[in-house]
């Protein structure tokens, strides 16, 4: 089971790991309502290095990225859920729209993004290249999304007698 860190504390842990010869991968996202696409993304990311960091958007940045009503699950709970995955070593929350600051701080050997990107479209690709890391695309085709899952749950609830259409 992984552990949730503050960024400065995680930087120290990454230094310890590097001193012992470990490689570091980092994946990031909102992870608002966990689904199989998340599992496949993180499983793919974990194969890229000895240690996997998962950077999770905090509540304010999720709201800015995804809109009203999001996140559904608070940041501390999302972090705890992701840290419970066997393939995850470290979790850190971040408050910006991209993980650029964390990439500059932690300098993972590999920055992993999902299949909704290509290496060329990853916003932080230049940062990773500048410090000598690589960007890779991992996971299954983007056939799953939190938005679709929320929509499905809401539609199902609205068809169930005695519910208000909210889950």
Protein backbone atom coordinates (compact mmCIF):
# COMPACT_ATOMS: atom_id res chain seq x y z
CA UNK A 1 0.00 0.00 0.00
CA UNK A 2 1.25 3.46 -0.92
CA UNK A 3 1.63 6.46 1.30
CA UNK A 4 0.30 10.01 0.92
CA UNK A 5 3.00 12.68 1.13
CA UNK A 6 3.26 16.44 1.06
CA UNK A 7 5.39 17.55 -1.91
CA UNK A 8 8.47 18.54 0.15
CA UNK A 9 8.39 15.29 2.11
CA UNK A 10 7.99 13.29 -1.09
CA UNK A 11 11.01 15.04 -2.60
CA UNK A 12 13.11 13.72 0.30
CA UNK A 13 11.72 10.20 -0.16
CA UNK A 14 12.48 10.29 -3.90
CA UNK A 15 16.07 11.31 -3.10
CA UNK A 16 16.40 8.31 -0.78
CA UNK A 17 14.99 6.01 -3.48
CA UNK A 18 17.37 7.39 -6.09
CA UNK A 19 20.36 6.94 -3.77
CA UNK A 20 19.43 3.26 -3.54
CA UNK A 21 19.30 2.97 -7.34
CA UNK A 22 15.52 3.06 -7.80
CA UNK A 23 13.86 4.60 -10.85
CA UNK A 24 10.79 6.81 -10.51
CA UNK A 25 7.64 7.09 -12.63
CA UNK A 26 4.87 9.61 -12.12
CA UNK A 27 1.26 9.52 -13.27
CA UNK A 28 -1.33 12.17 -12.55
CA UNK A 29 -5.03 12.90 -12.73
CA UNK A 30 -8.19 13.71 -10.82
CA UNK A 31 -9.21 10.14 -9.90
CA UNK A 32 -12.60 11.47 -8.83
CA UNK A 33 -14.67 8.29 -9.15
CA UNK A 34 -12.38 5.28 -9.53
CA UNK A 35 -13.07 3.04 -12.52
CA UNK A 36 -11.26 0.31 -14.47
CA UNK A 37 -9.60 2.85 -16.77
CA UNK A 38 -7.78 4.27 -13.73
CA UNK A 39 -6.64 0.79 -12.70
CA UNK A 40 -5.30 0.07 -16.17
CA UNK A 41 -3.57 3.46 -16.40
CA UNK A 42 -1.84 3.06 -13.04
CA UNK A 43 -0.94 -0.56 -13.70
CA UNK A 44 0.70 0.50 -16.97
CA UNK A 45 2.50 3.38 -15.27
CA UNK A 46 3.85 1.09 -12.55
CA UNK A 47 5.64 -1.02 -15.17
CA UNK A 48 7.75 1.97 -16.22
CA UNK A 49 9.95 2.25 -13.10
CA UNK A 50 10.74 0.84 -9.66
CA UNK A 51 8.54 3.35 -7.83
CA UNK A 52 5.24 4.95 -8.88
CA UNK A 53 4.17 8.39 -7.72
CA UNK A 54 0.57 9.38 -8.39
CA UNK A 55 -0.12 13.11 -8.33
CA UNK A 56 -3.79 13.90 -7.70
CA UNK A 57 -5.51 17.21 -8.41
CA UNK A 58 -6.85 18.85 -5.26
CA UNK A 59 -10.53 19.80 -4.99
CA UNK A 60 -10.17 23.35 -6.33
CA UNK A 61 -8.19 22.28 -9.40
CA UNK A 62 -10.69 19.46 -10.14
CA UNK A 63 -13.53 21.95 -9.92
CA UNK A 64 -11.74 24.33 -12.28
CA UNK A 65 -10.95 21.51 -14.75
CA UNK A 66 -14.20 19.55 -14.61
CA UNK A 67 -16.84 22.12 -13.64
CA UNK A 68 -19.65 22.48 -11.16
CA UNK A 69 -20.42 19.46 -9.00
CA UNK A 70 -16.91 18.07 -9.19
CA UNK A 71 -15.16 16.55 -7.50
CA UNK A 72 -17.64 14.01 -6.20
CA UNK A 73 -15.08 12.56 -3.78
CA UNK A 74 -12.93 14.90 -1.63
CA UNK A 75 -9.18 15.04 -2.32
CA UNK A 76 -8.06 13.37 0.90
CA UNK A 77 -10.35 10.40 0.23
CA UNK A 78 -9.26 10.16 -3.42
CA UNK A 79 -5.64 10.15 -2.24
CA UNK A 80 -6.35 7.38 0.27
CA UNK A 81 -8.13 5.27 -2.35
CA UNK A 82 -5.32 5.58 -4.89
CA UNK A 83 -2.67 4.92 -2.22
CA UNK A 84 -4.44 1.62 -1.48
CA UNK A 85 -3.65 0.28 -4.97
CA UNK A 86 -0.88 -2.31 -4.78
CA UNK A 87 0.93 -0.76 -7.77
CA UNK A 88 1.14 2.72 -6.18
CA UNK A 89 4.06 3.66 -3.95
CA UNK A 90 3.46 7.36 -3.28
CA UNK A 91 0.59 9.81 -3.64
CA UNK A 92 0.80 13.59 -3.58
CA UNK A 93 -1.89 16.22 -4.05
CA UNK A 94 -1.35 19.26 -6.25
CA UNK A 95 -3.34 22.44 -6.76
CA UNK A 96 -2.42 23.61 -10.24
CA UNK A 97 -3.92 22.78 -13.64
CA UNK A 98 -0.79 20.86 -14.67
CA UNK A 99 1.86 18.90 -12.79
CA UNK A 100 4.68 21.11 -14.08
CA UNK A 101 5.77 22.24 -10.60
CA UNK A 102 5.86 18.68 -9.26
CA UNK A 103 7.77 17.47 -12.30
CA UNK A 104 10.38 20.16 -11.73
CA UNK A 105 10.59 19.29 -8.03
CA UNK A 106 10.61 15.48 -8.27
CA UNK A 107 12.11 14.95 -11.75
CA UNK A 108 10.72 11.47 -12.30
CA UNK A 109 12.56 9.33 -14.82
CA UNK A 110 9.26 8.69 -16.59
CA UNK A 111 6.14 10.85 -16.81
CA UNK A 112 3.15 8.64 -17.68
CA UNK A 113 -0.01 9.91 -19.32
CA UNK A 114 -3.15 8.10 -20.45
CA UNK A 115 -4.17 7.18 -23.96
CA UNK A 116 -6.24 10.32 -24.37
CA UNK A 117 -2.84 11.93 -25.08
CA UNK A 118 -0.05 11.28 -27.52
CA UNK A 119 3.53 11.99 -26.45
CA UNK A 120 3.39 15.14 -28.59
CA UNK A 121 0.26 16.49 -26.88
CA UNK A 122 1.33 16.03 -23.24
CA UNK A 123 1.41 19.61 -21.86
CA UNK A 124 4.45 18.98 -19.65
CA UNK A 125 6.50 17.08 -22.26
CA UNK A 126 9.06 19.89 -22.72
CA UNK A 127 9.70 20.10 -18.97
CA UNK A 128 10.36 16.36 -18.78
CA UNK A 129 12.65 16.50 -21.83
CA UNK A 130 14.61 19.44 -20.35
CA UNK A 131 15.67 17.50 -17.26
CA UNK A 132 16.35 14.30 -19.23
CA UNK A 133 13.25 12.27 -18.43
CA UNK A 134 10.91 10.60 -20.86
CA UNK A 135 7.18 10.82 -21.46
CA UNK A 136 5.22 7.65 -22.16
CA UNK A 137 1.60 6.83 -22.90
CA UNK A 138 0.14 3.95 -20.86
CA UNK A 139 -3.18 2.28 -20.16
CA UNK A 140 -6.00 1.03 -22.29
CA UNK A 141 -7.90 2.99 -24.93
CA UNK A 142 -9.93 5.79 -23.37
CA UNK A 143 -13.21 3.84 -23.26
CA UNK A 144 -13.91 4.70 -19.62
CA UNK A 145 -14.36 8.06 -17.94
CA UNK A 146 -15.57 9.41 -14.65
CA UNK A 147 -17.95 11.73 -16.49
CA UNK A 148 -19.60 8.80 -18.31
CA UNK A 149 -19.78 6.80 -15.07
CA UNK A 150 -21.45 9.69 -13.21
CA UNK A 151 -23.88 10.16 -16.10
CA UNK A 152 -24.75 6.45 -16.09
CA UNK A 153 -25.35 6.45 -12.33
CA UNK A 154 -27.49 9.60 -12.54
CA UNK A 155 -29.57 8.19 -15.41
CA UNK A 156 -30.04 4.91 -13.57
CA UNK A 157 -31.13 6.71 -10.39
CA UNK A 158 -33.63 8.83 -12.32
CA UNK A 159 -35.27 5.66 -13.70
CA UNK A 160 -35.62 4.16 -10.20
CA UNK A 161 -38.92 4.99 -8.49
CA UNK A 162 -38.57 7.03 -5.33
CA UNK A 163 -35.23 8.63 -6.19
CA UNK A 164 -34.56 12.20 -7.17
CA UNK A 165 -32.13 11.34 -9.95
CA UNK A 166 -29.17 11.99 -7.70
CA UNK A 167 -26.81 9.33 -6.48
